[in-house]
Amino acid sequence: MSQRCTASHCAEPVAGYSVYCEAHKRTLRRHGHPLQKAITLAELKPYLDSITARRTKNPTNPTWELLRGRWLALSAHAAASLDSHAAGAITTTYERQTAEQLLALGDTVAGDVVIDTALAMFSMWEQWPTRFKSDRAFIYQLSRRVRALSEIHTGSHWSAKDGRMKRTYRDAPPKTLECFGASLRVAFGLAGMRMAELDKKDAEGLKAERQELSDALKDLK
């Protein structure tokens, strides 16, 4: 009798030498955890809206310029890494791919859009931790959402079933996703966590205000 997949509530047989079935093995490779589901733009939108509101409320705060500087430094490091590789330096494939994708992103997407998306993901992670099955799964989702900002990481194919062209997302190898996400974490992780703290503080203030109003209404005669 063949072994069964070790993913929760799955009774499918394992694939090859893996401890997971083919579907969960594929999910592990794409999302960093066999049970992790992709973060949708609709799920991320409230957190993006919060970052936008924070920018509007604090337009002259130096945070935004400092974060732009971090993004530029990340892009510059990627360019230097590729130059070093071209000159003959030994680099790993995933490091080179990460550098290429960071530069491609910088060439096609506004820096503030990249920054806000990363900040929103960190804020979501802090405020909705159960949505991510592990720290590794978060890094994968961070990478996937930021990479998805650029058309370079999408393709298209003809769907005979639907009778039209359909967009497809080009997955990066797992090590590249990890390296890409780790770069974003170093650049924006601290600021993203701070945004989450501010959101929680605002929510607590709103709750207290509502409670105060409720108590006042009870005293009306």
C-alpha atoms as a PDB file:
ATOM      1  CA  MET A   1       0.000   0.000   0.000  1.00  0.00           C
ATOM      2  CA  SER A   2       1.444   3.387  -0.988  1.00  0.00           C
ATOM      3  CA  GLN A   3       2.059   6.050   1.628  1.00  0.00           C
ATOM      4  CA  ARG A   4      -0.471   8.823   2.057  1.00  0.00           C
ATOM      5  CA  CYS A   5       0.204  12.533   1.837  1.00  0.00           C
ATOM      6  CA  THR A   6       1.124  14.042   5.207  1.00  0.00           C
ATOM      7  CA  ALA A   7      -0.705  17.321   4.536  1.00  0.00           C
ATOM      8  CA  SER A   8      -3.649  17.843   6.864  1.00  0.00           C
ATOM      9  CA  HIS A   9      -6.883  16.121   5.747  1.00  0.00           C
ATOM     10  CA  CYS A  10      -5.322  14.713   2.577  1.00  0.00           C
ATOM     11  CA  ALA A  11      -5.576  11.012   1.749  1.00  0.00           C
ATOM     12  CA  GLU A  12      -3.909  11.121  -1.671  1.00  0.00           C
ATOM     13  CA  PRO A  13      -0.805   8.977  -2.282  1.00  0.00           C
ATOM     14  CA  VAL A  14       2.592  10.657  -2.058  1.00  0.00           C
ATOM     15  CA  ALA A  15       4.407  11.752  -5.208  1.00  0.00           C
ATOM     16  CA  GLY A  16       7.724   9.990  -5.706  1.00  0.00           C
ATOM     17  CA  TYR A  17       9.994  10.342  -2.678  1.00  0.00           C
ATOM     18  CA  SER A  18       8.069  13.317  -1.301  1.00  0.00           C
ATOM     19  CA  VAL A  19       5.948  13.172   1.847  1.00  0.00           C
ATOM     20  CA  TYR A  20       3.228  15.057  -0.032  1.00  0.00           C
ATOM     21  CA  CYS A  21       0.897  14.251  -2.905  1.00  0.00           C
ATOM     22  CA  GLU A  22       1.474  15.934  -6.265  1.00  0.00           C
ATOM     23  CA  ALA A  23      -0.931  18.805  -5.503  1.00  0.00           C
ATOM     24  CA  HIS A  24       0.502  19.621  -2.078  1.00  0.00           C
ATOM     25  CA  LYS A  25       4.039  19.185  -3.363  1.00  0.00           C
ATOM     26  CA  ARG A  26       3.291  21.750  -6.073  1.00  0.00           C
ATOM     27  CA  THR A  27       1.716  24.118  -3.520  1.00  0.00           C
ATOM     28  CA  LEU A  28       4.779  23.835  -1.286  1.00  0.00           C
ATOM     29  CA  ARG A  29       7.002  24.805  -4.199  1.00  0.00           C
ATOM     30  CA  ARG A  30       4.833  27.762  -5.235  1.00  0.00           C
ATOM     31  CA  HIS A  31       3.686  29.080  -1.863  1.00  0.00           C
ATOM     32  CA  GLY A  32       6.219  27.932   0.724  1.00  0.00           C
ATOM     33  CA  HIS A  33       3.844  25.641   2.612  1.00  0.00           C
ATOM     34  CA  PRO A  34       1.661  22.744   1.410  1.00  0.00           C
ATOM     35  CA  LEU A  35      -1.490  24.383   2.838  1.00  0.00           C
ATOM     36  CA  GLN A  36      -0.782  28.023   1.981  1.00  0.00           C
ATOM     37  CA  LYS A  37      -3.174  29.743  -0.419  1.00  0.00           C
ATOM     38  CA  ALA A  38      -2.209  32.751  -2.521  1.00  0.00           C
ATOM     39  CA  ILE A  39      -2.879  36.210  -1.097  1.00  0.00           C
ATOM     40  CA  THR A  40      -5.319  37.971  -3.408  1.00  0.00           C
ATOM     41  CA  LEU A  41      -5.275  41.651  -4.258  1.00  0.00           C
ATOM     42  CA  ALA A  42      -8.764  41.944  -2.751  1.00  0.00           C
ATOM     43  CA  GLU A  43      -7.447  40.628   0.571  1.00  0.00           C
ATOM     44  CA  LEU A  44      -4.515  43.023   0.498  1.00  0.00           C
ATOM     45  CA  LYS A  45      -6.567  46.093  -0.497  1.00  0.00           C
ATOM     46  CA  PRO A  46      -7.590  47.211   3.036  1.00  0.00           C
ATOM     47  CA  TYR A  47      -3.951  47.230   4.071  1.00  0.00           C
ATOM     48  CA  LEU A  48      -2.923  49.086   0.913  1.00  0.00           C
ATOM     49  CA  ASP A  49      -5.670  51.640   1.563  1.00  0.00           C
ATOM     50  CA  SER A  50      -4.317  52.113   5.067  1.00  0.00           C
ATOM     51  CA  ILE A  51      -0.805  52.799   3.740  1.00  0.00           C
ATOM     52  CA  THR A  52      -2.230  55.306   1.250  1.00  0.00           C
ATOM     53  CA  ALA A  53      -4.148  57.047   4.028  1.00  0.00           C
ATOM     54  CA  ARG A  54      -1.001  57.130   6.156  1.00  0.00           C
ATOM     55  CA  ARG A  55       0.904  58.824   3.308  1.00  0.00           C
ATOM     56  CA  THR A  56      -1.883  61.381   2.882  1.00  0.00           C
ATOM     57  CA  LYS A  57      -1.955  62.099   6.604  1.00  0.00           C
ATOM     58  CA  ASN A  58       1.839  62.490   6.844  1.00  0.00           C
ATOM     59  CA  PRO A  59       2.999  63.847   3.462  1.00  0.00           C
ATOM     60  CA  THR A  60       6.153  65.538   4.739  1.00  0.00           C
ATOM     61  CA  ASN A  61       7.281  62.787   7.096  1.00  0.00           C
ATOM     62  CA  PRO A  62      10.848  61.690   6.169  1.00  0.00           C
ATOM     63  CA  THR A  63       9.810  58.025   6.345  1.00  0.00           C
ATOM     64  CA  TRP A  64       8.710  58.007   2.714  1.00  0.00           C
ATOM     65  CA  GLU A  65      11.962  59.458   1.398  1.00  0.00           C
ATOM     66  CA  LEU A  66      13.992  57.069   3.547  1.00  0.00           C
ATOM     67  CA  LEU A  67      12.032  54.125   2.162  1.00  0.00           C
ATOM     68  CA  ARG A  68      12.604  55.363  -1.392  1.00  0.00           C
ATOM     69  CA  GLY A  69      16.285  55.469  -0.562  1.00  0.00           C
ATOM     70  CA  ARG A  70      16.145  51.863   0.613  1.00  0.00           C
ATOM     71  CA  TRP A  71      14.458  50.803  -2.612  1.00  0.00           C
ATOM     72  CA  LEU A  72      17.082  52.643  -4.677  1.00  0.00           C
ATOM     73  CA  ALA A  73      19.852  51.028  -2.622  1.00  0.00           C
ATOM     74  CA  LEU A  74      18.295  47.602  -3.186  1.00  0.00           C
ATOM     75  CA  SER A  75      18.153  48.244  -6.936  1.00  0.00           C
ATOM     76  CA  ALA A  76      21.733  49.534  -6.954  1.00  0.00           C
ATOM     77  CA  HIS A  77      22.923  46.432  -5.123  1.00  0.00           C
ATOM     78  CA  ALA A  78      21.114  44.258  -7.678  1.00  0.00           C
ATOM     79  CA  ALA A  79      22.785  46.122 -10.561  1.00  0.00           C
ATOM     80  CA  ALA A  80      26.204  45.790  -8.931  1.00  0.00           C
ATOM     81  CA  SER A  81      25.619  42.071  -8.409  1.00  0.00           C
ATOM     82  CA  LEU A  82      24.823  41.564 -12.086  1.00  0.00           C
ATOM     83  CA  ASP A  83      27.847  43.637 -13.136  1.00  0.00           C
ATOM     84  CA  SER A  84      30.010  41.483 -10.890  1.00  0.00           C
ATOM     85  CA  HIS A  85      28.564  38.333 -12.430  1.00  0.00           C
ATOM     86  CA  ALA A  86      29.183  39.666 -15.940  1.00  0.00           C
ATOM     87  CA  ALA A  87      32.795  40.337 -14.945  1.00  0.00           C
ATOM     88  CA  GLY A  88      33.256  36.690 -14.005  1.00  0.00           C
ATOM     89  CA  ALA A  89      32.371  36.587 -10.319  1.00  0.00           C
ATOM     90  CA  ILE A  90      30.710  33.399  -9.130  1.00  0.00           C
ATOM     91  CA  THR A  91      27.095  33.877  -8.079  1.00  0.00           C
ATOM     92  CA  THR A  92      24.276  31.436  -7.476  1.00  0.00           C
ATOM     93  CA  THR A  93      21.471  31.165  -9.995  1.00  0.00           C
ATOM     94  CA  TYR A  94      18.843  32.315  -7.525  1.00  0.00           C
ATOM     95  CA  GLU A  95      20.904  35.368  -6.510  1.00  0.00           C
ATOM     96  CA  ARG A  96      21.283  36.333 -10.157  1.00  0.00           C
ATOM     97  CA  GLN A  97      17.590  35.797 -10.850  1.00  0.00           C
ATOM     98  CA  THR A  98      16.667  37.885  -7.818  1.00  0.00           C
ATOM     99  CA  ALA A  99      18.866  40.740  -9.026  1.00  0.00           C
ATOM    100  CA  GLU A 100      17.403  40.532 -12.527  1.00  0.00           C
ATOM    101  CA  GLN A 101      13.860  40.588 -11.229  1.00  0.00           C
ATOM    102  CA  LEU A 102      14.490  43.488  -8.857  1.00  0.00           C
ATOM    103  CA  LEU A 103      15.886  45.555 -11.724  1.00  0.00           C
ATOM    104  CA  ALA A 104      13.027  44.555 -14.027  1.00  0.00           C
ATOM    105  CA  LEU A 105      10.586  45.599 -11.339  1.00  0.00           C
ATOM    106  CA  GLY A 106      12.316  48.952 -10.927  1.00  0.00           C
ATOM    107  CA  ASP A 107      12.188  49.560 -14.671  1.00  0.00           C
ATOM    108  CA  THR A 108       8.453  48.904 -14.981  1.00  0.00           C
ATOM    109  CA  VAL A 109       6.828  49.849 -11.670  1.00  0.00           C
ATOM    110  CA  ALA A 110       6.941  53.101  -9.678  1.00  0.00           C
ATOM    111  CA  GLY A 111       9.032  52.771  -6.553  1.00  0.00           C
ATOM    112  CA  ASP A 112       6.237  53.975  -4.253  1.00  0.00           C
ATOM    113  CA  VAL A 113       3.953  51.233  -5.576  1.00  0.00           C
ATOM    114  CA  VAL A 114       6.550  48.594  -4.725  1.00  0.00           C
ATOM    115  CA  ILE A 115       7.101  50.127  -1.297  1.00  0.00           C
ATOM    116  CA  ASP A 116       3.396  50.396  -0.462  1.00  0.00           C
ATOM    117  CA  THR A 117       2.725  46.815  -1.547  1.00  0.00           C
ATOM    118  CA  ALA A 118       5.551  45.503   0.613  1.00  0.00           C
ATOM    119  CA  LEU A 119       4.436  47.611   3.590  1.00  0.00           C
ATOM    120  CA  ALA A 120       0.863  46.382   3.170  1.00  0.00           C
ATOM    121  CA  MET A 121       2.017  42.768   3.153  1.00  0.00           C
ATOM    122  CA  PHE A 122       3.984  43.221   6.382  1.00  0.00           C
ATOM    123  CA  SER A 123       1.029  44.986   7.973  1.00  0.00           C
ATOM    124  CA  MET A 124      -1.267  42.154   6.904  1.00  0.00           C
ATOM    125  CA  TRP A 125       1.135  39.577   8.325  1.00  0.00           C
ATOM    126  CA  GLU A 126       1.182  41.365  11.681  1.00  0.00           C
ATOM    127  CA  GLN A 127      -2.572  41.910  11.865  1.00  0.00           C
ATOM    128  CA  TRP A 128      -3.751  38.650  10.288  1.00  0.00           C
ATOM    129  CA  PRO A 129      -1.006  36.126  11.123  1.00  0.00           C
ATOM    130  CA  THR A 130      -3.240  33.067  10.733  1.00  0.00           C
ATOM    131  CA  ARG A 131      -3.569  33.839   7.006  1.00  0.00           C
ATOM    132  CA  PHE A 132       0.033  32.667   6.625  1.00  0.00           C
ATOM    133  CA  LYS A 133       0.914  29.079   7.447  1.00  0.00           C
ATOM    134  CA  SER A 134       4.535  29.856   8.328  1.00  0.00           C
ATOM    135  CA  ASP A 135       7.194  32.569   8.136  1.00  0.00           C
ATOM    136  CA  ARG A 136       8.469  30.923   4.971  1.00  0.00           C
ATOM    137  CA  ALA A 137       4.989  31.000   3.465  1.00  0.00           C
ATOM    138  CA  PHE A 138       4.813  34.724   4.199  1.00  0.00           C
ATOM    139  CA  ILE A 139       8.102  35.355   2.401  1.00  0.00           C
ATOM    140  CA  TYR A 140       6.779  33.496  -0.638  1.00  0.00           C
ATOM    141  CA  GLN A 141       3.540  35.498  -0.630  1.00  0.00           C
ATOM    142  CA  LEU A 142       5.456  38.753  -0.211  1.00  0.00           C
ATOM    143  CA  SER A 143       7.592  37.851  -3.224  1.00  0.00           C
ATOM    144  CA  ARG A 144       4.642  36.768  -5.336  1.00  0.00           C
ATOM    145  CA  ARG A 145       2.547  39.872  -4.639  1.00  0.00           C
ATOM    146  CA  VAL A 146       5.426  42.261  -5.347  1.00  0.00           C
ATOM    147  CA  ARG A 147       6.567  40.350  -8.451  1.00  0.00           C
ATOM    148  CA  ALA A 148       2.996  40.420  -9.733  1.00  0.00           C
ATOM    149  CA  LEU A 149       3.178  44.229  -9.947  1.00  0.00           C
ATOM    150  CA  SER A 150       5.250  43.910 -13.112  1.00  0.00           C
ATOM    151  CA  GLU A 151       3.967  42.643 -16.458  1.00  0.00           C
ATOM    152  CA  ILE A 152       7.392  41.092 -17.007  1.00  0.00           C
ATOM    153  CA  HIS A 153       6.375  38.269 -14.690  1.00  0.00           C
ATOM    154  CA  THR A 154       3.191  37.436 -16.566  1.00  0.00           C
ATOM    155  CA  GLY A 155       2.588  35.744 -19.885  1.00  0.00           C
ATOM    156  CA  SER A 156      -0.390  34.661 -21.926  1.00  0.00           C
ATOM    157  CA  HIS A 157      -1.700  31.543 -23.596  1.00  0.00           C
ATOM    158  CA  TRP A 158      -4.632  30.605 -25.790  1.00  0.00           C
ATOM    159  CA  SER A 159      -7.410  28.812 -23.927  1.00  0.00           C
ATOM    160  CA  ALA A 160      -9.356  26.571 -26.290  1.00  0.00           C
ATOM    161  CA  LYS A 161     -11.904  26.008 -23.539  1.00  0.00           C
ATOM    162  CA  ASP A 162     -12.630  29.720 -23.055  1.00  0.00           C
ATOM    163  CA  GLY A 163     -11.917  30.744 -26.654  1.00  0.00           C
ATOM    164  CA  ARG A 164      -9.653  33.633 -25.660  1.00  0.00           C
ATOM    165  CA  MET A 165      -6.178  34.573 -24.525  1.00  0.00           C
ATOM    166  CA  LYS A 166      -5.608  34.148 -20.798  1.00  0.00           C
ATOM    167  CA  ARG A 167      -2.928  35.616 -18.576  1.00  0.00           C
ATOM    168  CA  THR A 168      -0.514  33.304 -16.815  1.00  0.00           C
ATOM    169  CA  TYR A 169       1.886  33.965 -13.948  1.00  0.00           C
ATOM    170  CA  ARG A 170       5.465  32.801 -14.365  1.00  0.00           C
ATOM    171  CA  ASP A 171       6.573  31.170 -11.145  1.00  0.00           C
ATOM    172  CA  ALA A 172      10.112  31.701  -9.925  1.00  0.00           C
ATOM    173  CA  PRO A 173      12.105  28.820  -8.417  1.00  0.00           C
ATOM    174  CA  PRO A 174      11.653  28.453  -4.634  1.00  0.00           C
ATOM    175  CA  LYS A 175      15.153  29.680  -3.754  1.00  0.00           C
ATOM    176  CA  THR A 176      14.617  32.770  -5.913  1.00  0.00           C
ATOM    177  CA  LEU A 177      11.326  33.521  -4.171  1.00  0.00           C
ATOM    178  CA  GLU A 178      13.051  33.188  -0.803  1.00  0.00           C
ATOM    179  CA  CYS A 179      15.966  35.412  -1.807  1.00  0.00           C
ATOM    180  CA  PHE A 180      13.652  38.013  -3.387  1.00  0.00           C
ATOM    181  CA  GLY A 181      11.427  38.101  -0.315  1.00  0.00           C
ATOM    182  CA  ALA A 182      14.375  38.242   2.080  1.00  0.00           C
ATOM    183  CA  SER A 183      15.655  41.330   0.231  1.00  0.00           C
ATOM    184  CA  LEU A 184      12.290  43.048   0.639  1.00  0.00           C
ATOM    185  CA  ARG A 185      12.145  42.049   4.291  1.00  0.00           C
ATOM    186  CA  VAL A 186      15.480  43.707   5.035  1.00  0.00           C
ATOM    187  CA  ALA A 187      14.451  46.872   3.203  1.00  0.00           C
ATOM    188  CA  PHE A 188      10.866  47.304   4.404  1.00  0.00           C
ATOM    189  CA  GLY A 189      10.126  44.893   7.251  1.00  0.00           C
ATOM    190  CA  LEU A 190      10.685  47.322  10.122  1.00  0.00           C
ATOM    191  CA  ALA A 191       8.557  50.048   8.536  1.00  0.00           C
ATOM    192  CA  GLY A 192       5.810  47.556   7.689  1.00  0.00           C
ATOM    193  CA  MET A 193       5.579  46.382  11.293  1.00  0.00           C
ATOM    194  CA  ARG A 194       5.374  49.997  12.454  1.00  0.00           C
ATOM    195  CA  MET A 195       2.476  50.598  10.053  1.00  0.00           C
ATOM    196  CA  ALA A 196       0.684  47.626  11.608  1.00  0.00           C
ATOM    197  CA  GLU A 197       1.216  49.070  15.103  1.00  0.00           C
ATOM    198  CA  LEU A 198      -0.283  52.388  13.994  1.00  0.00           C
ATOM    199  CA  ASP A 199      -3.275  50.625  12.437  1.00  0.00           C
ATOM    200  CA  LYS A 200      -3.904  48.748  15.683  1.00  0.00           C
ATOM    201  CA  LYS A 201      -3.625  51.983  17.658  1.00  0.00           C
ATOM    202  CA  ASP A 202      -6.128  53.692  15.345  1.00  0.00           C
ATOM    203  CA  ALA A 203      -8.515  50.754  15.647  1.00  0.00           C
ATOM    204  CA  GLU A 204      -8.305  50.834  19.452  1.00  0.00           C
ATOM    205  CA  GLY A 205      -8.935  54.575  19.455  1.00  0.00           C
ATOM    206  CA  LEU A 206     -11.985  54.158  17.236  1.00  0.00           C
ATOM    207  CA  LYS A 207     -13.297  51.385  19.473  1.00  0.00           C
ATOM    208  CA  ALA A 208     -12.874  53.562  22.564  1.00  0.00           C
ATOM    209  CA  GLU A 209     -14.631  56.452  20.823  1.00  0.00           C
ATOM    210  CA  ARG A 210     -17.571  54.225  19.892  1.00  0.00           C
ATOM    211  CA  GLN A 211     -17.793  52.915  23.446  1.00  0.00           C
ATOM    212  CA  GLU A 212     -17.769  56.470  24.806  1.00  0.00           C
ATOM    213  CA  LEU A 213     -20.598  57.427  22.457  1.00  0.00           C
ATOM    214  CA  SER A 214     -22.540  54.308  23.392  1.00  0.00           C
ATOM    215  CA  ASP A 215     -22.179  55.098  27.102  1.00  0.00           C
ATOM    216  CA  ALA A 216     -23.258  58.707  26.508  1.00  0.00           C
ATOM    217  CA  LEU A 217     -26.336  57.601  24.566  1.00  0.00           C
ATOM    218  CA  LYS A 218     -27.404  55.398  27.456  1.00  0.00           C
ATOM    219  CA  ASP A 219     -27.491  58.469  29.726  1.00  0.00           C
ATOM    220  CA  LEU A 220     -29.785  60.408  27.406  1.00  0.00           C
ATOM    221  CA  LYS A 221     -33.202  61.109  28.905  1.00  0.00           C
END
